[in-house]
Amino acid sequence: MPTAIRYLLGKYKVHFWSNELEEPVHVHVTRTVPSSTDTKFWLYADGVVRHEPASGIKTVESRDLREIEKELTEVHFQTLYEQFVKTHPDAELKQK
């Protein structure tokens, strides 16, 4: 389970699982120990990151969702994509 960013907004950890070979590029965000209930953020082909509303059980505070999406899009998109592809060479970005 590679960690991509350790202190996003000073309190969140961004990671991805190395065994999710069938899914497009995405990361998981949590404040605690990583688990299957973490909030998922999809990386889109147009360079935007959006959270998956159906994922997680509130591992990210609602008020932080937009700020996380903005920071992942504007600051970390390329790094996240490169790190994900190192582990999942056949991964593709989602289309909107």
N, C-alpha and C. Protein backbone atom coordinates (compact mmCIF):
# COMPACT_ATOMS: atom_id res chain seq x y z
N MET A 1 0.84 -1.16 0.00
CA MET A 1 0.00 0.00 0.00
C MET A 1 0.90 1.24 0.00
N PRO A 2 1.23 1.75 -1.17
CA PRO A 2 2.08 2.93 -1.26
C PRO A 2 1.37 4.19 -0.75
N THR A 3 2.10 4.98 0.02
CA THR A 3 1.60 6.27 0.47
C THR A 3 2.06 7.32 -0.51
N ALA A 4 1.13 8.10 -1.04
CA ALA A 4 1.46 9.12 -2.02
C ALA A 4 1.75 10.47 -1.36
N ILE A 5 0.94 10.83 -0.38
CA ILE A 5 1.10 12.09 0.34
C ILE A 5 0.81 11.80 1.81
N ARG A 6 1.70 12.20 2.68
CA ARG A 6 1.53 11.86 4.09
C ARG A 6 0.72 12.90 4.87
N TYR A 7 0.80 14.17 4.54
CA TYR A 7 0.13 15.20 5.35
C TYR A 7 -0.66 16.18 4.48
N LEU A 8 -1.66 15.71 3.79
CA LEU A 8 -2.52 16.56 2.98
C LEU A 8 -3.40 17.38 3.93
N LEU A 9 -3.41 18.68 3.76
CA LEU A 9 -4.14 19.61 4.64
C LEU A 9 -3.72 19.44 6.10
N GLY A 10 -2.56 18.87 6.32
CA GLY A 10 -2.05 18.70 7.67
C GLY A 10 -2.65 17.57 8.47
N LYS A 11 -3.62 16.85 7.89
CA LYS A 11 -4.27 15.80 8.69
C LYS A 11 -4.67 14.55 7.92
N TYR A 12 -4.54 14.54 6.61
CA TYR A 12 -4.96 13.38 5.82
C TYR A 12 -3.78 12.67 5.18
N LYS A 13 -3.95 11.39 5.00
CA LYS A 13 -2.96 10.56 4.31
C LYS A 13 -3.58 10.11 2.99
N VAL A 14 -2.82 10.22 1.91
CA VAL A 14 -3.28 9.81 0.58
C VAL A 14 -2.50 8.56 0.19
N HIS A 15 -3.22 7.51 -0.18
CA HIS A 15 -2.56 6.25 -0.54
C HIS A 15 -3.37 5.55 -1.63
N PHE A 16 -2.80 4.49 -2.15
CA PHE A 16 -3.53 3.63 -3.07
C PHE A 16 -3.12 2.19 -2.78
N TRP A 17 -3.96 1.28 -3.16
CA TRP A 17 -3.71 -0.14 -2.93
C TRP A 17 -3.01 -0.72 -4.16
N SER A 18 -2.09 -1.61 -3.94
CA SER A 18 -1.35 -2.19 -5.06
C SER A 18 -2.10 -3.32 -5.76
N ASN A 19 -3.26 -3.73 -5.23
CA ASN A 19 -3.98 -4.86 -5.82
C ASN A 19 -5.27 -4.45 -6.54
N GLU A 20 -5.44 -3.18 -6.87
CA GLU A 20 -6.66 -2.72 -7.54
C GLU A 20 -6.40 -2.57 -9.04
N LEU A 21 -6.14 -3.68 -9.67
CA LEU A 21 -5.73 -3.68 -11.06
C LEU A 21 -6.85 -3.41 -12.05
N GLU A 22 -8.08 -3.60 -11.67
CA GLU A 22 -9.21 -3.46 -12.59
C GLU A 22 -9.83 -2.07 -12.60
N GLU A 23 -9.38 -1.18 -11.74
CA GLU A 23 -10.00 0.14 -11.63
C GLU A 23 -9.14 1.22 -12.29
N PRO A 24 -9.79 2.29 -12.78
CA PRO A 24 -9.03 3.44 -13.30
C PRO A 24 -8.23 4.10 -12.17
N VAL A 25 -7.39 5.06 -12.52
CA VAL A 25 -6.51 5.72 -11.57
C VAL A 25 -7.32 6.44 -10.49
N HIS A 26 -7.00 6.15 -9.23
CA HIS A 26 -7.66 6.77 -8.10
C HIS A 26 -6.77 6.65 -6.87
N VAL A 27 -7.08 7.45 -5.86
CA VAL A 27 -6.37 7.37 -4.58
C VAL A 27 -7.41 7.30 -3.46
N HIS A 28 -6.95 6.88 -2.30
CA HIS A 28 -7.79 6.80 -1.11
C HIS A 28 -7.26 7.83 -0.11
N VAL A 29 -8.17 8.47 0.62
CA VAL A 29 -7.78 9.48 1.60
C VAL A 29 -8.40 9.12 2.95
N THR A 30 -7.58 9.21 4.00
CA THR A 30 -8.03 8.87 5.34
C THR A 30 -7.29 9.70 6.38
N ARG A 31 -7.86 9.79 7.56
CA ARG A 31 -7.18 10.42 8.70
C ARG A 31 -6.61 9.35 9.62
N THR A 32 -7.01 8.11 9.45
CA THR A 32 -6.60 7.05 10.36
C THR A 32 -5.81 5.99 9.59
N VAL A 33 -5.81 4.81 10.11
CA VAL A 33 -5.14 3.69 9.46
C VAL A 33 -5.89 3.37 8.16
N PRO A 34 -5.19 3.22 7.04
CA PRO A 34 -5.86 2.91 5.77
C PRO A 34 -6.73 1.67 5.87
N SER A 35 -7.92 1.76 5.23
CA SER A 35 -8.84 0.62 5.22
C SER A 35 -9.69 0.67 3.96
N SER A 36 -10.51 -0.33 3.77
CA SER A 36 -11.38 -0.40 2.59
C SER A 36 -12.50 0.63 2.64
N THR A 37 -12.67 1.31 3.77
CA THR A 37 -13.73 2.31 3.88
C THR A 37 -13.25 3.74 3.61
N ASP A 38 -12.01 3.90 3.20
CA ASP A 38 -11.48 5.23 2.94
C ASP A 38 -12.19 5.89 1.76
N THR A 39 -12.23 7.22 1.78
CA THR A 39 -12.86 7.97 0.70
C THR A 39 -11.98 7.91 -0.54
N LYS A 40 -12.60 7.61 -1.69
CA LYS A 40 -11.90 7.47 -2.96
C LYS A 40 -11.98 8.77 -3.76
N PHE A 41 -10.87 9.11 -4.41
CA PHE A 41 -10.81 10.26 -5.30
C PHE A 41 -10.31 9.77 -6.66
N TRP A 42 -11.10 10.00 -7.70
CA TRP A 42 -10.77 9.58 -9.05
C TRP A 42 -9.96 10.66 -9.76
N LEU A 43 -8.97 10.24 -10.54
CA LEU A 43 -8.21 11.16 -11.38
C LEU A 43 -8.78 11.05 -12.78
N TYR A 44 -9.14 12.20 -13.35
CA TYR A 44 -9.76 12.25 -14.67
C TYR A 44 -8.76 12.68 -15.74
N ALA A 45 -9.02 12.28 -16.97
CA ALA A 45 -8.13 12.55 -18.09
C ALA A 45 -7.93 14.05 -18.33
N ASP A 46 -8.87 14.88 -17.92
CA ASP A 46 -8.72 16.33 -18.13
C ASP A 46 -7.91 17.00 -17.01
N GLY A 47 -7.31 16.19 -16.12
CA GLY A 47 -6.46 16.73 -15.06
C GLY A 47 -7.19 17.14 -13.80
N VAL A 48 -8.42 16.72 -13.65
CA VAL A 48 -9.23 17.08 -12.48
C VAL A 48 -9.35 15.86 -11.56
N VAL A 49 -9.43 16.12 -10.27
CA VAL A 49 -9.64 15.06 -9.27
C VAL A 49 -10.98 15.32 -8.59
N ARG A 50 -11.81 14.27 -8.50
CA ARG A 50 -13.13 14.39 -7.84
C ARG A 50 -13.33 13.20 -6.91
N HIS A 51 -13.99 13.45 -5.79
CA HIS A 51 -14.23 12.33 -4.86
C HIS A 51 -15.40 11.48 -5.36
N GLU A 52 -15.39 10.24 -4.95
CA GLU A 52 -16.45 9.29 -5.29
C GLU A 52 -17.43 9.31 -4.13
N PRO A 53 -18.62 9.92 -4.31
CA PRO A 53 -19.56 10.07 -3.20
C PRO A 53 -19.99 8.75 -2.55
N ALA A 54 -19.98 7.68 -3.28
CA ALA A 54 -20.44 6.40 -2.73
C ALA A 54 -19.35 5.68 -1.94
N SER A 55 -18.14 6.20 -1.94
CA SER A 55 -17.06 5.50 -1.26
C SER A 55 -16.85 6.03 0.16
N GLY A 56 -16.29 5.21 0.98
CA GLY A 56 -15.91 5.62 2.32
C GLY A 56 -17.09 5.79 3.26
N ILE A 57 -16.77 5.83 4.52
CA ILE A 57 -17.80 6.08 5.54
C ILE A 57 -17.37 7.32 6.32
N LYS A 58 -17.24 8.38 5.59
CA LYS A 58 -16.86 9.67 6.15
C LYS A 58 -15.46 9.65 6.75
N THR A 59 -14.48 9.15 6.00
CA THR A 59 -13.09 9.22 6.45
C THR A 59 -12.51 10.60 6.15
N VAL A 60 -13.26 11.39 5.36
CA VAL A 60 -12.90 12.77 5.07
C VAL A 60 -14.06 13.65 5.53
N GLU A 61 -13.74 14.69 6.25
CA GLU A 61 -14.79 15.60 6.69
C GLU A 61 -15.40 16.31 5.48
N SER A 62 -16.71 16.45 5.47
CA SER A 62 -17.42 17.06 4.34
C SER A 62 -16.87 18.42 3.97
N ARG A 63 -16.54 19.21 4.98
CA ARG A 63 -16.05 20.57 4.71
C ARG A 63 -14.67 20.56 4.04
N ASP A 64 -13.96 19.43 4.08
CA ASP A 64 -12.63 19.35 3.47
C ASP A 64 -12.64 18.80 2.05
N LEU A 65 -13.75 18.24 1.59
CA LEU A 65 -13.79 17.58 0.27
C LEU A 65 -13.34 18.50 -0.86
N ARG A 66 -13.92 19.68 -0.96
CA ARG A 66 -13.57 20.61 -2.05
C ARG A 66 -12.11 21.04 -1.99
N GLU A 67 -11.64 21.31 -0.77
CA GLU A 67 -10.25 21.74 -0.61
C GLU A 67 -9.29 20.62 -1.01
N ILE A 68 -9.62 19.38 -0.65
CA ILE A 68 -8.80 18.24 -1.04
C ILE A 68 -8.80 18.08 -2.55
N GLU A 69 -9.99 18.15 -3.16
CA GLU A 69 -10.08 18.03 -4.63
C GLU A 69 -9.22 19.10 -5.30
N LYS A 70 -9.30 20.32 -4.79
CA LYS A 70 -8.53 21.43 -5.38
C LYS A 70 -7.03 21.19 -5.24
N GLU A 71 -6.57 20.81 -4.06
CA GLU A 71 -5.14 20.59 -3.86
C GLU A 71 -4.63 19.40 -4.67
N LEU A 72 -5.41 18.31 -4.71
CA LEU A 72 -4.98 17.15 -5.50
C LEU A 72 -4.93 17.50 -6.98
N THR A 73 -5.85 18.34 -7.45
CA THR A 73 -5.87 18.73 -8.86
C THR A 73 -4.75 19.70 -9.18
N GLU A 74 -4.63 20.77 -8.41
CA GLU A 74 -3.70 21.86 -8.74
C GLU A 74 -2.25 21.59 -8.35
N VAL A 75 -2.03 20.80 -7.32
CA VAL A 75 -0.67 20.61 -6.81
C VAL A 75 -0.12 19.20 -7.05
N HIS A 76 -0.95 18.19 -6.87
CA HIS A 76 -0.44 16.82 -6.80
C HIS A 76 -0.83 15.90 -7.95
N PHE A 77 -1.62 16.36 -8.90
CA PHE A 77 -2.17 15.47 -9.93
C PHE A 77 -1.08 14.64 -10.63
N GLN A 78 -0.09 15.30 -11.18
CA GLN A 78 0.94 14.60 -11.95
C GLN A 78 1.70 13.58 -11.10
N THR A 79 2.04 13.97 -9.89
CA THR A 79 2.76 13.06 -8.98
C THR A 79 1.92 11.84 -8.64
N LEU A 80 0.64 12.06 -8.33
CA LEU A 80 -0.25 10.94 -8.02
C LEU A 80 -0.36 10.00 -9.19
N TYR A 81 -0.55 10.57 -10.38
CA TYR A 81 -0.68 9.75 -11.58
C TYR A 81 0.60 8.92 -11.80
N GLU A 82 1.74 9.55 -11.72
CA GLU A 82 3.00 8.84 -11.94
C GLU A 82 3.21 7.74 -10.91
N GLN A 83 2.91 8.01 -9.66
CA GLN A 83 3.07 6.99 -8.62
C GLN A 83 2.12 5.82 -8.83
N PHE A 84 0.88 6.10 -9.21
CA PHE A 84 -0.09 5.05 -9.44
C PHE A 84 0.34 4.16 -10.59
N VAL A 85 0.81 4.77 -11.68
CA VAL A 85 1.20 4.02 -12.88
C VAL A 85 2.44 3.17 -12.64
N LYS A 86 3.30 3.58 -11.72
CA LYS A 86 4.47 2.75 -11.39
C LYS A 86 4.02 1.40 -10.84
N THR A 87 2.96 1.41 -10.06
CA THR A 87 2.45 0.18 -9.46
C THR A 87 1.45 -0.53 -10.36
N HIS A 88 0.72 0.25 -11.19
CA HIS A 88 -0.32 -0.29 -12.08
C HIS A 88 -0.03 0.20 -13.51
N PRO A 89 0.94 -0.39 -14.19
CA PRO A 89 1.37 0.11 -15.51
C PRO A 89 0.28 0.20 -16.56
N ASP A 90 -0.77 -0.59 -16.46
CA ASP A 90 -1.83 -0.57 -17.47
C ASP A 90 -3.00 0.32 -17.08
N ALA A 91 -2.89 1.05 -16.01
CA ALA A 91 -4.00 1.88 -15.51
C ALA A 91 -4.29 3.03 -16.48
N GLU A 92 -5.57 3.36 -16.57
CA GLU A 92 -5.99 4.46 -17.42
C GLU A 92 -6.77 5.48 -16.60
N LEU A 93 -6.68 6.73 -17.03
CA LEU A 93 -7.44 7.79 -16.37
C LEU A 93 -8.91 7.68 -16.76
N LYS A 94 -9.77 8.08 -15.85
CA LYS A 94 -11.21 8.07 -16.11
C LYS A 94 -11.57 9.19 -17.09
N GLN A 95 -12.58 8.92 -17.90
CA GLN A 95 -13.17 9.96 -18.77
C GLN A 95 -14.40 10.48 -18.08
N LYS A 96 -14.68 11.75 -18.23
CA LYS A 96 -15.90 12.31 -17.60
C LYS A 96 -17.12 11.89 -18.34
